[in-house]
N, C-alpha and C. Protein backbone atom coordinates (compact mmCIF):
# COMPACT_ATOMS: atom_id res chain seq x y z
N MET A 1 0.82 -1.19 0.00
CA MET A 1 0.00 0.00 0.00
C MET A 1 0.87 1.26 0.00
N GLY A 2 2.02 1.21 0.63
CA GLY A 2 2.92 2.35 0.69
C GLY A 2 3.33 2.82 -0.69
N GLU A 3 3.57 1.87 -1.60
CA GLU A 3 3.94 2.24 -2.96
C GLU A 3 2.82 3.04 -3.64
N PHE A 4 1.61 2.66 -3.36
CA PHE A 4 0.45 3.34 -3.93
C PHE A 4 0.46 4.81 -3.54
N TYR A 5 0.68 5.09 -2.25
CA TYR A 5 0.68 6.48 -1.78
C TYR A 5 1.93 7.23 -2.20
N ARG A 6 2.99 6.54 -2.51
CA ARG A 6 4.20 7.21 -2.99
C ARG A 6 3.98 7.85 -4.36
N THR A 7 2.95 7.40 -5.06
CA THR A 7 2.66 8.03 -6.35
C THR A 7 2.27 9.50 -6.17
N LEU A 8 1.86 9.87 -4.95
CA LEU A 8 1.52 11.27 -4.68
C LEU A 8 2.73 12.19 -4.81
N GLU A 9 3.91 11.62 -4.67
CA GLU A 9 5.15 12.41 -4.75
C GLU A 9 5.57 12.69 -6.18
N LEU A 10 4.97 12.00 -7.13
CA LEU A 10 5.34 12.17 -8.54
C LEU A 10 4.69 13.42 -9.11
N PRO A 11 5.40 14.13 -10.00
CA PRO A 11 4.81 15.32 -10.61
C PRO A 11 3.74 14.93 -11.64
N GLY A 12 2.92 15.90 -11.99
CA GLY A 12 1.94 15.68 -13.05
C GLY A 12 0.59 15.21 -12.50
N ALA A 13 -0.28 14.88 -13.45
CA ALA A 13 -1.64 14.44 -13.11
C ALA A 13 -1.59 13.15 -12.28
N ASN A 14 -2.50 13.08 -11.31
CA ASN A 14 -2.51 11.92 -10.42
C ASN A 14 -3.94 11.72 -9.93
N ARG A 15 -4.54 10.58 -10.28
CA ARG A 15 -5.93 10.31 -9.91
C ARG A 15 -6.10 10.22 -8.40
N LEU A 16 -5.11 9.67 -7.70
CA LEU A 16 -5.20 9.57 -6.25
C LEU A 16 -5.18 10.96 -5.62
N ARG A 17 -4.28 11.82 -6.09
CA ARG A 17 -4.21 13.19 -5.58
C ARG A 17 -5.54 13.91 -5.81
N ASP A 18 -6.11 13.73 -7.00
CA ASP A 18 -7.40 14.35 -7.32
C ASP A 18 -8.51 13.84 -6.39
N ALA A 19 -8.52 12.53 -6.14
CA ALA A 19 -9.54 11.94 -5.27
C ALA A 19 -9.38 12.44 -3.84
N LEU A 20 -8.14 12.53 -3.35
CA LEU A 20 -7.91 13.02 -2.00
C LEU A 20 -8.29 14.49 -1.87
N ALA A 21 -8.03 15.28 -2.90
CA ALA A 21 -8.42 16.69 -2.89
C ALA A 21 -9.94 16.82 -2.85
N ALA A 22 -10.64 15.98 -3.61
CA ALA A 22 -12.10 16.00 -3.61
C ALA A 22 -12.64 15.60 -2.24
N LEU A 23 -12.02 14.60 -1.62
CA LEU A 23 -12.43 14.18 -0.28
C LEU A 23 -12.20 15.31 0.72
N ASP A 24 -11.06 15.98 0.65
CA ASP A 24 -10.78 17.11 1.54
C ASP A 24 -11.85 18.20 1.38
N ARG A 25 -12.22 18.50 0.14
CA ARG A 25 -13.24 19.53 -0.10
C ARG A 25 -14.59 19.11 0.50
N ALA A 26 -14.96 17.85 0.33
CA ALA A 26 -16.23 17.36 0.85
C ALA A 26 -16.25 17.41 2.38
N VAL A 27 -15.17 17.00 3.01
CA VAL A 27 -15.09 17.04 4.47
C VAL A 27 -15.13 18.48 4.96
N ARG A 28 -14.38 19.34 4.28
CA ARG A 28 -14.36 20.75 4.67
C ARG A 28 -15.77 21.34 4.59
N GLU A 29 -16.48 21.05 3.51
CA GLU A 29 -17.86 21.56 3.37
C GLU A 29 -18.76 21.00 4.48
N ALA A 30 -18.64 19.72 4.77
CA ALA A 30 -19.49 19.10 5.79
C ALA A 30 -19.23 19.69 7.17
N TYR A 31 -17.98 19.89 7.53
CA TYR A 31 -17.66 20.41 8.85
C TYR A 31 -17.92 21.90 8.98
N ARG A 32 -17.85 22.62 7.90
CA ARG A 32 -17.96 24.08 7.98
C ARG A 32 -19.39 24.58 7.82
N TRP A 33 -20.30 23.71 7.51
CA TRP A 33 -21.67 24.14 7.33
C TRP A 33 -22.15 24.79 8.62
N GLY A 34 -22.60 26.03 8.53
CA GLY A 34 -23.13 26.72 9.69
C GLY A 34 -22.09 27.34 10.61
N LEU A 35 -20.81 27.25 10.27
CA LEU A 35 -19.77 27.82 11.12
C LEU A 35 -19.57 29.30 10.80
N PRO A 36 -19.12 30.08 11.79
CA PRO A 36 -18.81 31.48 11.52
C PRO A 36 -17.62 31.60 10.57
N GLY A 37 -17.51 32.73 9.88
CA GLY A 37 -16.50 32.95 8.86
C GLY A 37 -15.08 32.71 9.29
N GLU A 38 -14.74 33.08 10.55
CA GLU A 38 -13.34 32.90 10.97
C GLU A 38 -12.95 31.43 11.04
N LEU A 39 -13.90 30.54 11.28
CA LEU A 39 -13.58 29.11 11.28
C LEU A 39 -13.60 28.53 9.87
N ARG A 40 -14.53 28.98 9.04
CA ARG A 40 -14.62 28.46 7.67
C ARG A 40 -13.34 28.71 6.88
N ALA A 41 -12.60 29.76 7.25
CA ALA A 41 -11.40 30.12 6.50
C ALA A 41 -10.20 29.25 6.85
N LEU A 42 -10.29 28.46 7.92
CA LEU A 42 -9.14 27.67 8.37
C LEU A 42 -8.93 26.42 7.52
N GLU A 43 -7.69 26.00 7.43
CA GLU A 43 -7.35 24.72 6.81
C GLU A 43 -7.83 23.59 7.73
N PRO A 44 -7.91 22.34 7.25
CA PRO A 44 -8.53 21.26 8.03
C PRO A 44 -7.97 21.05 9.44
N LEU A 45 -6.67 20.92 9.60
CA LEU A 45 -6.14 20.63 10.94
C LEU A 45 -6.34 21.79 11.91
N PRO A 46 -6.04 23.04 11.53
CA PRO A 46 -6.34 24.14 12.44
C PRO A 46 -7.84 24.26 12.75
N LEU A 47 -8.70 23.92 11.78
CA LEU A 47 -10.14 23.96 12.00
C LEU A 47 -10.53 22.95 13.08
N LEU A 48 -10.04 21.72 12.95
CA LEU A 48 -10.38 20.70 13.95
C LEU A 48 -9.84 21.07 15.32
N LEU A 49 -8.66 21.66 15.39
CA LEU A 49 -8.10 22.11 16.67
C LEU A 49 -8.99 23.21 17.27
N ALA A 50 -9.41 24.17 16.45
CA ALA A 50 -10.28 25.25 16.94
C ALA A 50 -11.61 24.70 17.44
N LEU A 51 -12.20 23.75 16.72
CA LEU A 51 -13.45 23.14 17.17
C LEU A 51 -13.25 22.40 18.48
N ASN A 52 -12.13 21.69 18.60
CA ASN A 52 -11.83 20.96 19.82
C ASN A 52 -11.64 21.93 20.99
N GLN A 53 -10.97 23.04 20.75
CA GLN A 53 -10.77 24.03 21.81
C GLN A 53 -12.10 24.63 22.26
N ARG A 54 -13.01 24.87 21.32
CA ARG A 54 -14.34 25.37 21.68
C ARG A 54 -15.07 24.37 22.57
N CYS A 55 -14.97 23.09 22.22
CA CYS A 55 -15.61 22.06 23.04
C CYS A 55 -14.99 22.01 24.43
N ALA A 56 -13.67 22.14 24.51
CA ALA A 56 -12.98 22.10 25.81
C ALA A 56 -13.44 23.26 26.69
N VAL A 57 -13.58 24.45 26.11
CA VAL A 57 -14.04 25.61 26.89
C VAL A 57 -15.47 25.38 27.36
N ALA A 58 -16.34 24.90 26.47
CA ALA A 58 -17.74 24.64 26.84
C ALA A 58 -17.81 23.60 27.95
N GLU A 59 -17.01 22.54 27.84
CA GLU A 59 -16.99 21.49 28.85
C GLU A 59 -16.49 22.04 30.18
N ARG A 60 -15.43 22.85 30.14
CA ARG A 60 -14.89 23.47 31.35
C ARG A 60 -15.94 24.33 32.03
N ASP A 61 -16.78 24.98 31.22
CA ASP A 61 -17.81 25.86 31.75
C ASP A 61 -19.08 25.11 32.17
N GLY A 62 -19.00 23.77 32.14
CA GLY A 62 -20.12 22.96 32.62
C GLY A 62 -21.21 22.71 31.60
N LYS A 63 -20.96 23.07 30.36
CA LYS A 63 -21.96 22.84 29.32
C LYS A 63 -21.88 21.40 28.84
N THR A 64 -22.98 20.87 28.38
CA THR A 64 -23.02 19.52 27.86
C THR A 64 -22.46 19.50 26.44
N ILE A 65 -21.59 18.56 26.17
CA ILE A 65 -21.02 18.39 24.83
C ILE A 65 -21.76 17.22 24.18
N ALA A 66 -22.37 17.47 23.04
CA ALA A 66 -23.08 16.41 22.32
C ALA A 66 -22.09 15.65 21.46
N GLY A 67 -21.94 14.38 21.74
CA GLY A 67 -21.05 13.53 20.96
C GLY A 67 -21.73 13.06 19.69
N PRO A 68 -21.07 12.21 18.94
CA PRO A 68 -21.66 11.70 17.70
C PRO A 68 -22.85 10.78 18.00
N GLY A 69 -23.68 10.62 17.04
CA GLY A 69 -24.82 9.72 17.18
C GLY A 69 -26.09 10.46 17.54
N LEU A 70 -27.09 9.70 17.89
CA LEU A 70 -28.39 10.28 18.22
C LEU A 70 -28.35 10.94 19.60
N PRO A 71 -29.11 12.01 19.78
CA PRO A 71 -29.18 12.62 21.11
C PRO A 71 -29.88 11.70 22.10
N ALA A 72 -29.64 11.94 23.38
CA ALA A 72 -30.15 11.07 24.44
C ALA A 72 -31.66 10.90 24.41
N PHE A 73 -32.40 11.94 24.00
CA PHE A 73 -33.86 11.82 24.02
C PHE A 73 -34.38 10.78 23.02
N CYS A 74 -33.52 10.31 22.12
CA CYS A 74 -33.93 9.30 21.14
C CYS A 74 -33.74 7.87 21.66
N ALA A 75 -33.07 7.72 22.80
CA ALA A 75 -32.78 6.39 23.34
C ALA A 75 -34.07 5.60 23.55
N GLY A 76 -34.08 4.40 23.06
CA GLY A 76 -35.22 3.53 23.23
C GLY A 76 -36.36 3.77 22.25
N ASP A 77 -36.26 4.77 21.42
CA ASP A 77 -37.30 5.07 20.45
C ASP A 77 -36.97 4.36 19.15
N GLY A 78 -37.65 3.29 18.86
CA GLY A 78 -37.37 2.46 17.70
C GLY A 78 -37.50 3.17 16.36
N ARG A 79 -38.16 4.33 16.34
CA ARG A 79 -38.31 5.06 15.08
C ARG A 79 -36.97 5.56 14.55
N PHE A 80 -35.96 5.67 15.42
CA PHE A 80 -34.67 6.21 15.03
C PHE A 80 -33.63 5.13 14.77
N HIS A 81 -34.04 3.89 14.75
CA HIS A 81 -33.10 2.78 14.57
C HIS A 81 -33.52 1.93 13.38
N SER A 82 -32.54 1.30 12.79
CA SER A 82 -32.79 0.48 11.61
C SER A 82 -31.76 -0.65 11.58
N ASP A 83 -32.10 -1.72 10.92
CA ASP A 83 -31.11 -2.78 10.73
C ASP A 83 -30.52 -2.69 9.32
N ASP A 84 -30.71 -1.55 8.69
CA ASP A 84 -30.20 -1.29 7.34
C ASP A 84 -28.72 -0.92 7.43
N CYS A 85 -27.87 -1.93 7.33
CA CYS A 85 -26.44 -1.69 7.45
C CYS A 85 -25.66 -2.79 6.72
N LEU A 86 -24.39 -2.55 6.56
CA LEU A 86 -23.53 -3.57 5.96
C LEU A 86 -23.21 -4.63 7.00
N ARG A 87 -23.20 -5.87 6.58
CA ARG A 87 -22.89 -6.97 7.49
C ARG A 87 -21.87 -7.89 6.82
N MET A 88 -21.06 -8.51 7.66
CA MET A 88 -20.12 -9.50 7.16
C MET A 88 -20.91 -10.73 6.72
N PRO A 89 -20.52 -11.34 5.61
CA PRO A 89 -21.24 -12.56 5.19
C PRO A 89 -21.04 -13.66 6.21
N GLU A 90 -22.09 -14.42 6.42
CA GLU A 90 -21.99 -15.56 7.34
C GLU A 90 -21.21 -16.67 6.68
N ARG A 91 -20.45 -17.39 7.46
CA ARG A 91 -19.65 -18.49 6.92
C ARG A 91 -20.35 -19.80 7.03
């Protein structure tokens, strides 16, 4: 796999580089939706650090930090759950 990523070091057109750039743009758009301008302007790593620092301040101030997934009020409510997922084939 290392050889595959080493192609990124070569000059010229590169499908992997193009795909990674497209992924970066998609992630940037997803994370920046609804953010104030000063955060939207940041590159990915500084953006994630700034978001993490905001969470740390909120947590320090006793505010609840919502993690990934459904909010607590959805617990036990079957309307928010599905078995529609990828599964390993049975042997």
